[in-house]
Amino acid sequence: DDGSKDATLDQIKQLAKEHDNVKYISFSRNFGK
């Protein structure tokens, strides 16, 4: 999550809860792809 301002991080966290094959990293602001 590259500092998203919408529900991106929430959606990713939900996937990580539901699926063992999902990890995530969350940036504090947008750093670019």
PDB file of all heavy atoms in Angstrom:
ATOM      1  N   ASP A   1       0.865  -1.178   0.000  1.00  0.00           N
ATOM      2  CA  ASP A   1       0.000   0.000   0.000  1.00  0.00           C
ATOM      3  C   ASP A   1       0.896   1.221   0.000  1.00  0.00           C
ATOM      4  O   ASP A   1       1.601   1.493   0.966  1.00  0.00           O
ATOM      5  CB  ASP A   1      -0.927   0.013   1.213  1.00  0.00           C
ATOM      6  CG  ASP A   1      -1.745   1.283   1.253  1.00  0.00           C
ATOM      7  OD1 ASP A   1      -2.315   1.652   0.212  1.00  0.00           O
ATOM      8  OD2 ASP A   1      -1.786   1.927   2.315  1.00  0.00           O
ATOM      9  N   ASP A   2       0.858   1.964  -1.100  1.00  0.00           N
ATOM     10  CA  ASP A   2       1.768   3.089  -1.298  1.00  0.00           C
ATOM     11  C   ASP A   2       1.133   4.406  -0.846  1.00  0.00           C
ATOM     12  O   ASP A   2       1.024   5.357  -1.608  1.00  0.00           O
ATOM     13  CB  ASP A   2       2.164   3.147  -2.772  1.00  0.00           C
ATOM     14  CG  ASP A   2       3.345   4.058  -3.033  1.00  0.00           C
ATOM     15  OD1 ASP A   2       4.014   4.475  -2.067  1.00  0.00           O
ATOM     16  OD2 ASP A   2       3.596   4.373  -4.206  1.00  0.00           O
ATOM     17  N   GLY A   3       0.689   4.428   0.421  1.00  0.00           N
ATOM     18  CA  GLY A   3       0.125   5.654   0.981  1.00  0.00           C
ATOM     19  C   GLY A   3      -1.253   5.996   0.452  1.00  0.00           C
ATOM     20  O   GLY A   3      -1.599   7.178   0.346  1.00  0.00           O
ATOM     21  N   SER A   4      -2.043   4.988   0.133  1.00  0.00           N
ATOM     22  CA  SER A   4      -3.388   5.216  -0.417  1.00  0.00           C
ATOM     23  C   SER A   4      -4.254   6.030   0.527  1.00  0.00           C
ATOM     24  O   SER A   4      -4.133   5.939   1.746  1.00  0.00           O
ATOM     25  CB  SER A   4      -4.072   3.874  -0.689  1.00  0.00           C
ATOM     26  OG  SER A   4      -3.367   3.147  -1.665  1.00  0.00           O
ATOM     27  N   LYS A   5      -5.160   6.794  -0.062  1.00  0.00           N
ATOM     28  CA  LYS A   5      -6.073   7.624   0.721  1.00  0.00           C
ATOM     29  C   LYS A   5      -7.490   7.053   0.714  1.00  0.00           C
ATOM     30  O   LYS A   5      -8.391   7.648   1.281  1.00  0.00           O
ATOM     31  CB  LYS A   5      -6.068   9.040   0.166  1.00  0.00           C
ATOM     32  CG  LYS A   5      -4.676   9.657   0.226  1.00  0.00           C
ATOM     33  CD  LYS A   5      -4.709  11.133   0.075  1.00  0.00           C
ATOM     34  CE  LYS A   5      -3.342  11.761   0.066  1.00  0.00           C
ATOM     35  NZ  LYS A   5      -2.421  11.360   1.080  1.00  0.00           N
ATOM     36  N   ASP A   6      -7.682   5.910   0.082  1.00  0.00           N
ATOM     37  CA  ASP A   6      -8.993   5.268   0.060  1.00  0.00           C
ATOM     38  C   ASP A   6      -8.943   4.012   0.937  1.00  0.00           C
ATOM     39  O   ASP A   6      -8.138   3.929   1.855  1.00  0.00           O
ATOM     40  CB  ASP A   6      -9.424   4.962  -1.376  1.00  0.00           C
ATOM     41  CG  ASP A   6      -8.561   3.897  -2.047  1.00  0.00           C
ATOM     42  OD1 ASP A   6      -7.527   3.488  -1.469  1.00  0.00           O
ATOM     43  OD2 ASP A   6      -8.920   3.475  -3.161  1.00  0.00           O
ATOM     44  N   ALA A   7      -9.761   3.040   0.641  1.00  0.00           N
ATOM     45  CA  ALA A   7      -9.873   1.833   1.469  1.00  0.00           C
ATOM     46  C   ALA A   7      -8.913   0.721   1.043  1.00  0.00           C
ATOM     47  O   ALA A   7      -9.097  -0.432   1.430  1.00  0.00           O
ATOM     48  CB  ALA A   7     -11.302   1.320   1.425  1.00  0.00           C
ATOM     49  N   THR A   8      -7.891   1.055   0.288  1.00  0.00           N
ATOM     50  CA  THR A   8      -6.955   0.033  -0.188  1.00  0.00           C
ATOM     51  C   THR A   8      -6.360  -0.777   0.958  1.00  0.00           C
ATOM     52  O   THR A   8      -6.386  -2.013   0.930  1.00  0.00           O
ATOM     53  CB  THR A   8      -5.825   0.675  -1.023  1.00  0.00           C
ATOM     54  OG1 THR A   8      -6.399   1.324  -2.154  1.00  0.00           O
ATOM     55  CG2 THR A   8      -4.810  -0.352  -1.480  1.00  0.00           C
ATOM     56  N   LEU A   9      -5.823  -0.113   1.961  1.00  0.00           N
ATOM     57  CA  LEU A   9      -5.190  -0.828   3.069  1.00  0.00           C
ATOM     58  C   LEU A   9      -6.199  -1.699   3.803  1.00  0.00           C
ATOM     59  O   LEU A   9      -5.887  -2.840   4.167  1.00  0.00           O
ATOM     60  CB  LEU A   9      -4.512   0.143   4.031  1.00  0.00           C
ATOM     61  CG  LEU A   9      -3.736  -0.499   5.188  1.00  0.00           C
ATOM     62  CD1 LEU A   9      -2.668  -1.465   4.679  1.00  0.00           C
ATOM     63  CD2 LEU A   9      -3.124   0.566   6.067  1.00  0.00           C
ATOM     64  N   ASP A  10      -7.403  -1.214   4.013  1.00  0.00           N
ATOM     65  CA  ASP A  10      -8.438  -2.024   4.669  1.00  0.00           C
ATOM     66  C   ASP A  10      -8.745  -3.284   3.869  1.00  0.00           C
ATOM     67  O   ASP A  10      -8.896  -4.372   4.435  1.00  0.00           O
ATOM     68  CB  ASP A  10      -9.728  -1.213   4.854  1.00  0.00           C
ATOM     69  CG  ASP A  10      -9.558  -0.050   5.811  1.00  0.00           C
ATOM     70  OD1 ASP A  10      -8.677  -0.124   6.697  1.00  0.00           O
ATOM     71  OD2 ASP A  10     -10.311   0.934   5.669  1.00  0.00           O
ATOM     72  N   GLN A  11      -8.835  -3.148   2.559  1.00  0.00           N
ATOM     73  CA  GLN A  11      -9.107  -4.306   1.702  1.00  0.00           C
ATOM     74  C   GLN A  11      -7.955  -5.313   1.771  1.00  0.00           C
ATOM     75  O   GLN A  11      -8.177  -6.521   1.844  1.00  0.00           O
ATOM     76  CB  GLN A  11      -9.328  -3.861   0.248  1.00  0.00           C
ATOM     77  CG  GLN A  11     -10.565  -3.053   0.030  1.00  0.00           C
ATOM     78  CD  GLN A  11     -11.829  -3.878   0.175  1.00  0.00           C
ATOM     79  OE1 GLN A  11     -11.822  -5.101   0.059  1.00  0.00           O
ATOM     80  NE2 GLN A  11     -12.922  -3.211   0.450  1.00  0.00           N
ATOM     81  N   ILE A  12      -6.732  -4.818   1.758  1.00  0.00           N
ATOM     82  CA  ILE A  12      -5.563  -5.699   1.832  1.00  0.00           C
ATOM     83  C   ILE A  12      -5.522  -6.417   3.180  1.00  0.00           C
ATOM     84  O   ILE A  12      -5.265  -7.625   3.246  1.00  0.00           O
ATOM     85  CB  ILE A  12      -4.265  -4.904   1.588  1.00  0.00           C
ATOM     86  CG1 ILE A  12      -4.223  -4.372   0.153  1.00  0.00           C
ATOM     87  CG2 ILE A  12      -3.041  -5.753   1.885  1.00  0.00           C
ATOM     88  CD1 ILE A  12      -3.122  -3.355  -0.104  1.00  0.00           C
ATOM     89  N   LYS A  13      -5.774  -5.687   4.260  1.00  0.00           N
ATOM     90  CA  LYS A  13      -5.786  -6.301   5.590  1.00  0.00           C
ATOM     91  C   LYS A  13      -6.845  -7.397   5.679  1.00  0.00           C
ATOM     92  O   LYS A  13      -6.614  -8.441   6.291  1.00  0.00           O
ATOM     93  CB  LYS A  13      -6.033  -5.247   6.667  1.00  0.00           C
ATOM     94  CG  LYS A  13      -4.838  -4.375   6.953  1.00  0.00           C
ATOM     95  CD  LYS A  13      -5.162  -3.362   8.043  1.00  0.00           C
ATOM     96  CE  LYS A  13      -3.969  -2.525   8.408  1.00  0.00           C
ATOM     97  NZ  LYS A  13      -4.266  -1.543   9.474  1.00  0.00           N
ATOM     98  N   GLN A  14      -8.004  -7.155   5.076  1.00  0.00           N
ATOM     99  CA  GLN A  14      -9.060  -8.157   5.086  1.00  0.00           C
ATOM    100  C   GLN A  14      -8.623  -9.414   4.329  1.00  0.00           C
ATOM    101  O   GLN A  14      -8.852 -10.536   4.791  1.00  0.00           O
ATOM    102  CB  GLN A  14     -10.350  -7.593   4.469  1.00  0.00           C
ATOM    103  CG  GLN A  14     -11.535  -8.523   4.564  1.00  0.00           C
ATOM    104  CD  GLN A  14     -11.929  -8.831   6.002  1.00  0.00           C
ATOM    105  OE1 GLN A  14     -11.885  -7.966   6.875  1.00  0.00           O
ATOM    106  NE2 GLN A  14     -12.300 -10.066   6.246  1.00  0.00           N
ATOM    107  N   LEU A  15      -7.985  -9.237   3.187  1.00  0.00           N
ATOM    108  CA  LEU A  15      -7.474 -10.389   2.440  1.00  0.00           C
ATOM    109  C   LEU A  15      -6.437 -11.152   3.257  1.00  0.00           C
ATOM    110  O   LEU A  15      -6.431 -12.383   3.270  1.00  0.00           O
ATOM    111  CB  LEU A  15      -6.854  -9.940   1.117  1.00  0.00           C
ATOM    112  CG  LEU A  15      -7.793  -9.555  -0.005  1.00  0.00           C
ATOM    113  CD1 LEU A  15      -7.001  -9.019  -1.193  1.00  0.00           C
ATOM    114  CD2 LEU A  15      -8.659 -10.732  -0.426  1.00  0.00           C
ATOM    115  N   ALA A  16      -5.557 -10.417   3.938  1.00  0.00           N
ATOM    116  CA  ALA A  16      -4.519 -11.063   4.748  1.00  0.00           C
ATOM    117  C   ALA A  16      -5.123 -11.873   5.894  1.00  0.00           C
ATOM    118  O   ALA A  16      -4.584 -12.916   6.272  1.00  0.00           O
ATOM    119  CB  ALA A  16      -3.539 -10.019   5.284  1.00  0.00           C
ATOM    120  N   LYS A  17      -6.237 -11.386   6.436  1.00  0.00           N
ATOM    121  CA  LYS A  17      -6.927 -12.135   7.499  1.00  0.00           C
ATOM    122  C   LYS A  17      -7.526 -13.430   6.970  1.00  0.00           C
ATOM    123  O   LYS A  17      -7.530 -14.452   7.653  1.00  0.00           O
ATOM    124  CB  LYS A  17      -8.078 -11.304   8.073  1.00  0.00           C
ATOM    125  CG  LYS A  17      -7.740 -10.453   9.235  1.00  0.00           C
ATOM    126  CD  LYS A  17      -9.032  -9.876   9.797  1.00  0.00           C
ATOM    127  CE  LYS A  17      -8.766  -8.591  10.512  1.00  0.00           C
ATOM    128  NZ  LYS A  17      -9.983  -7.947  11.001  1.00  0.00           N
ATOM    129  N   GLU A  18      -8.033 -13.369   5.759  1.00  0.00           N
ATOM    130  CA  GLU A  18      -8.767 -14.492   5.178  1.00  0.00           C
ATOM    131  C   GLU A  18      -7.886 -15.507   4.466  1.00  0.00           C
ATOM    132  O   GLU A  18      -8.290 -16.652   4.287  1.00  0.00           O
ATOM    133  CB  GLU A  18      -9.809 -13.967   4.184  1.00  0.00           C
ATOM    134  CG  GLU A  18     -10.878 -13.116   4.823  1.00  0.00           C
ATOM    135  CD  GLU A  18     -11.783 -12.435   3.812  1.00  0.00           C
ATOM    136  OE1 GLU A  18     -11.575 -12.610   2.589  1.00  0.00           O
ATOM    137  OE2 GLU A  18     -12.694 -11.711   4.257  1.00  0.00           O
ATOM    138  N   HIS A  19      -6.679 -15.098   4.047  1.00  0.00           N
ATOM    139  CA  HIS A  19      -5.835 -15.963   3.223  1.00  0.00           C
ATOM    140  C   HIS A  19      -4.405 -15.982   3.750  1.00  0.00           C
ATOM    141  O   HIS A  19      -3.781 -14.931   3.906  1.00  0.00           O
ATOM    142  CB  HIS A  19      -5.837 -15.483   1.770  1.00  0.00           C
ATOM    143  CG  HIS A  19      -7.202 -15.375   1.180  1.00  0.00           C
ATOM    144  ND1 HIS A  19      -7.889 -16.462   0.700  1.00  0.00           N
ATOM    145  CD2 HIS A  19      -8.019 -14.301   1.010  1.00  0.00           C
ATOM    146  CE1 HIS A  19      -9.072 -16.072   0.256  1.00  0.00           C
ATOM    147  NE2 HIS A  19      -9.175 -14.768   0.439  1.00  0.00           N
ATOM    148  N   ASP A  20      -3.890 -17.179   3.960  1.00  0.00           N
ATOM    149  CA  ASP A  20      -2.527 -17.332   4.471  1.00  0.00           C
ATOM    150  C   ASP A  20      -1.463 -16.911   3.463  1.00  0.00           C
ATOM    151  O   ASP A  20      -0.314 -16.665   3.842  1.00  0.00           O
ATOM    152  CB  ASP A  20      -2.268 -18.781   4.879  1.00  0.00           C
ATOM    153  CG  ASP A  20      -3.064 -19.186   6.102  1.00  0.00           C
ATOM    154  OD1 ASP A  20      -3.455 -18.292   6.888  1.00  0.00           O
ATOM    155  OD2 ASP A  20      -3.316 -20.395   6.267  1.00  0.00           O
ATOM    156  N   ASN A  21      -1.822 -16.844   2.202  1.00  0.00           N
ATOM    157  CA  ASN A  21      -0.828 -16.517   1.181  1.00  0.00           C
ATOM    158  C   ASN A  21      -0.760 -15.015   0.863  1.00  0.00           C
ATOM    159  O   ASN A  21      -0.168 -14.622  -0.128  1.00  0.00           O
ATOM    160  CB  ASN A  21      -1.089 -17.310  -0.100  1.00  0.00           C
ATOM    161  CG  ASN A  21      -2.377 -16.903  -0.798  1.00  0.00           C
ATOM    162  OD1 ASN A  21      -3.307 -16.394  -0.176  1.00  0.00           O
ATOM    163  ND2 ASN A  21      -2.431 -17.151  -2.091  1.00  0.00           N
ATOM    164  N   VAL A  22      -1.345 -14.192   1.729  1.00  0.00           N
ATOM    165  CA  VAL A  22      -1.339 -12.738   1.524  1.00  0.00           C
ATOM    166  C   VAL A  22      -0.571 -12.056   2.653  1.00  0.00           C
ATOM    167  O   VAL A  22      -0.853 -12.282   3.824  1.00  0.00           O
ATOM    168  CB  VAL A  22      -2.776 -12.164   1.449  1.00  0.00           C
ATOM    169  CG1 VAL A  22      -2.736 -10.638   1.363  1.00  0.00           C
ATOM    170  CG2 VAL A  22      -3.530 -12.750   0.275  1.00  0.00           C
ATOM    171  N   LYS A  23       0.417 -11.247   2.267  1.00  0.00           N
ATOM    172  CA  LYS A  23       1.157 -10.388   3.190  1.00  0.00           C
ATOM    173  C   LYS A  23       1.030  -8.965   2.667  1.00  0.00           C
ATOM    174  O   LYS A  23       0.676  -8.752   1.508  1.00  0.00           O
ATOM    175  CB  LYS A  23       2.637 -10.758   3.226  1.00  0.00           C
ATOM    176  CG  LYS A  23       2.960 -12.156   3.637  1.00  0.00           C
ATOM    177  CD  LYS A  23       4.460 -12.343   3.580  1.00  0.00           C
ATOM    178  CE  LYS A  23       4.813 -13.785   3.355  1.00  0.00           C
ATOM    179  NZ  LYS A  23       6.228 -13.973   3.073  1.00  0.00           N
ATOM    180  N   TYR A  24       1.371  -8.008   3.504  1.00  0.00           N
ATOM    181  CA  TYR A  24       1.325  -6.633   3.021  1.00  0.00           C
ATOM    182  C   TYR A  24       2.346  -5.765   3.735  1.00  0.00           C
ATOM    183  O   TYR A  24       2.807  -6.073   4.825  1.00  0.00           O
ATOM    184  CB  TYR A  24      -0.079  -6.034   3.164  1.00  0.00           C
ATOM    185  CG  TYR A  24      -0.546  -5.851   4.590  1.00  0.00           C
ATOM    186  CD1 TYR A  24      -0.307  -4.658   5.270  1.00  0.00           C
ATOM    187  CD2 TYR A  24      -1.222  -6.866   5.264  1.00  0.00           C
ATOM    188  CE1 TYR A  24      -0.727  -4.485   6.573  1.00  0.00           C
ATOM    189  CE2 TYR A  24      -1.645  -6.702   6.556  1.00  0.00           C
ATOM    190  CZ  TYR A  24      -1.400  -5.514   7.209  1.00  0.00           C
ATOM    191  OH  TYR A  24      -1.816  -5.350   8.510  1.00  0.00           O
ATOM    192  N   ILE A  25       2.662  -4.682   3.050  1.00  0.00           N
ATOM    193  CA  ILE A  25       3.511  -3.622   3.584  1.00  0.00           C
ATOM    194  C   ILE A  25       2.741  -2.331   3.353  1.00  0.00           C
ATOM    195  O   ILE A  25       2.149  -2.145   2.282  1.00  0.00           O
ATOM    196  CB  ILE A  25       4.872  -3.578   2.852  1.00  0.00           C
ATOM    197  CG1 ILE A  25       5.645  -4.882   3.077  1.00  0.00           C
ATOM    198  CG2 ILE A  25       5.693  -2.368   3.299  1.00  0.00           C
ATOM    199  CD1 ILE A  25       6.878  -5.024   2.198  1.00  0.00           C
ATOM    200  N   SER A  26       2.744  -1.460   4.335  1.00  0.00           N
ATOM    201  CA  SER A  26       2.023  -0.204   4.211  1.00  0.00           C
ATOM    202  C   SER A  26       2.989   0.965   4.370  1.00  0.00           C
ATOM    203  O   SER A  26       3.659   1.078   5.390  1.00  0.00           O
ATOM    204  CB  SER A  26       0.915  -0.122   5.263  1.00  0.00           C
ATOM    205  OG  SER A  26       0.261   1.110   5.192  1.00  0.00           O
ATOM    206  N   PHE A  27       3.046   1.823   3.361  1.00  0.00           N
ATOM    207  CA  PHE A  27       3.875   3.022   3.421  1.00  0.00           C
ATOM    208  C   PHE A  27       3.083   4.158   4.060  1.00  0.00           C
ATOM    209  O   PHE A  27       1.878   4.262   3.892  1.00  0.00           O
ATOM    210  CB  PHE A  27       4.304   3.461   2.026  1.00  0.00           C
ATOM    211  CG  PHE A  27       5.318   2.576   1.354  1.00  0.00           C
ATOM    212  CD1 PHE A  27       5.593   2.739   0.005  1.00  0.00           C
ATOM    213  CD2 PHE A  27       6.020   1.602   2.036  1.00  0.00           C
ATOM    214  CE1 PHE A  27       6.525   1.953  -0.635  1.00  0.00           C
ATOM    215  CE2 PHE A  27       6.956   0.801   1.412  1.00  0.00           C
ATOM    216  CZ  PHE A  27       7.216   0.980   0.065  1.00  0.00           C
ATOM    217  N   SER A  28       3.787   5.033   4.756  1.00  0.00           N
ATOM    218  CA  SER A  28       3.149   6.164   5.432  1.00  0.00           C
ATOM    219  C   SER A  28       2.691   7.247   4.451  1.00  0.00           C
ATOM    220  O   SER A  28       1.816   8.045   4.766  1.00  0.00           O
ATOM    221  CB  SER A  28       4.108   6.781   6.449  1.00  0.00           C
ATOM    222  OG  SER A  28       5.277   7.249   5.786  1.00  0.00           O
ATOM    223  N   ARG A  29       3.299   7.263   3.276  1.00  0.00           N
ATOM    224  CA  ARG A  29       2.912   8.215   2.235  1.00  0.00           C
ATOM    225  C   ARG A  29       3.256   7.591   0.890  1.00  0.00           C
ATOM    226  O   ARG A  29       3.845   6.518   0.824  1.00  0.00           O
ATOM    227  CB  ARG A  29       3.618   9.568   2.406  1.00  0.00           C
ATOM    228  CG  ARG A  29       5.125   9.505   2.243  1.00  0.00           C
ATOM    229  CD  ARG A  29       5.737  10.912   2.231  1.00  0.00           C
ATOM    230  NE  ARG A  29       7.163  10.874   2.011  1.00  0.00           N
ATOM    231  CZ  ARG A  29       7.767  10.835   0.824  1.00  0.00           C
ATOM    232  NH1 ARG A  29       7.068  10.782  -0.284  1.00  0.00           N
ATOM    233  NH2 ARG A  29       9.077  10.840   0.742  1.00  0.00           N
ATOM    234  N   ASN A  30       2.931   8.280  -0.182  1.00  0.00           N
ATOM    235  CA  ASN A  30       3.195   7.769  -1.518  1.00  0.00           C
ATOM    236  C   ASN A  30       4.670   7.926  -1.868  1.00  0.00           C
ATOM    237  O   ASN A  30       5.196   9.032  -1.881  1.00  0.00           O
ATOM    238  CB  ASN A  30       2.307   8.516  -2.529  1.00  0.00           C
ATOM    239  CG  ASN A  30       2.492   7.971  -3.920  1.00  0.00           C
ATOM    240  OD1 ASN A  30       3.294   8.492  -4.664  1.00  0.00           O
ATOM    241  ND2 ASN A  30       1.770   6.940  -4.247  1.00  0.00           N
ATOM    242  N   PHE A  31       5.327   6.795  -2.135  1.00  0.00           N
ATOM    243  CA  PHE A  31       6.733   6.805  -2.527  1.00  0.00           C
ATOM    244  C   PHE A  31       6.927   6.400  -3.983  1.00  0.00           C
ATOM    245  O   PHE A  31       8.028   6.470  -4.498  1.00  0.00           O
ATOM    246  CB  PHE A  31       7.554   5.857  -1.639  1.00  0.00           C
ATOM    247  CG  PHE A  31       7.768   6.374  -0.243  1.00  0.00           C
ATOM    248  CD1 PHE A  31       6.915   5.996   0.782  1.00  0.00           C
ATOM    249  CD2 PHE A  31       8.804   7.243   0.042  1.00  0.00           C
ATOM    250  CE1 PHE A  31       7.103   6.471   2.070  1.00  0.00           C
ATOM    251  CE2 PHE A  31       9.004   7.715   1.336  1.00  0.00           C
ATOM    252  CZ  PHE A  31       8.146   7.326   2.344  1.00  0.00           C
ATOM    253  N   GLY A  32       5.890   5.906  -4.639  1.00  0.00           N
ATOM    254  CA  GLY A  32       5.991   5.475  -6.032  1.00  0.00           C
ATOM    255  C   GLY A  32       6.128   3.970  -6.163  1.00  0.00           C
ATOM    256  O   GLY A  32       6.534   3.278  -5.232  1.00  0.00           O
ATOM    257  N   LYS A  33       5.768   3.482  -7.344  1.00  0.00           N
ATOM    258  CA  LYS A  33       5.738   2.033  -7.552  1.00  0.00           C
ATOM    259  C   LYS A  33       7.116   1.393  -7.482  1.00  0.00           C
ATOM    260  O   LYS A  33       7.243   0.238  -7.093  1.00  0.00           O
ATOM    261  CB  LYS A  33       5.035   1.682  -8.850  1.00  0.00           C
ATOM    262  CG  LYS A  33       5.771   2.061 -10.106  1.00  0.00           C
ATOM    263  CD  LYS A  33       4.983   1.625 -11.331  1.00  0.00           C
ATOM    264  CE  LYS A  33       5.682   1.961 -12.600  1.00  0.00           C
ATOM    265  NZ  LYS A  33       5.708   3.359 -12.955  1.00  0.00           N
TER     266      LYS A  33
END
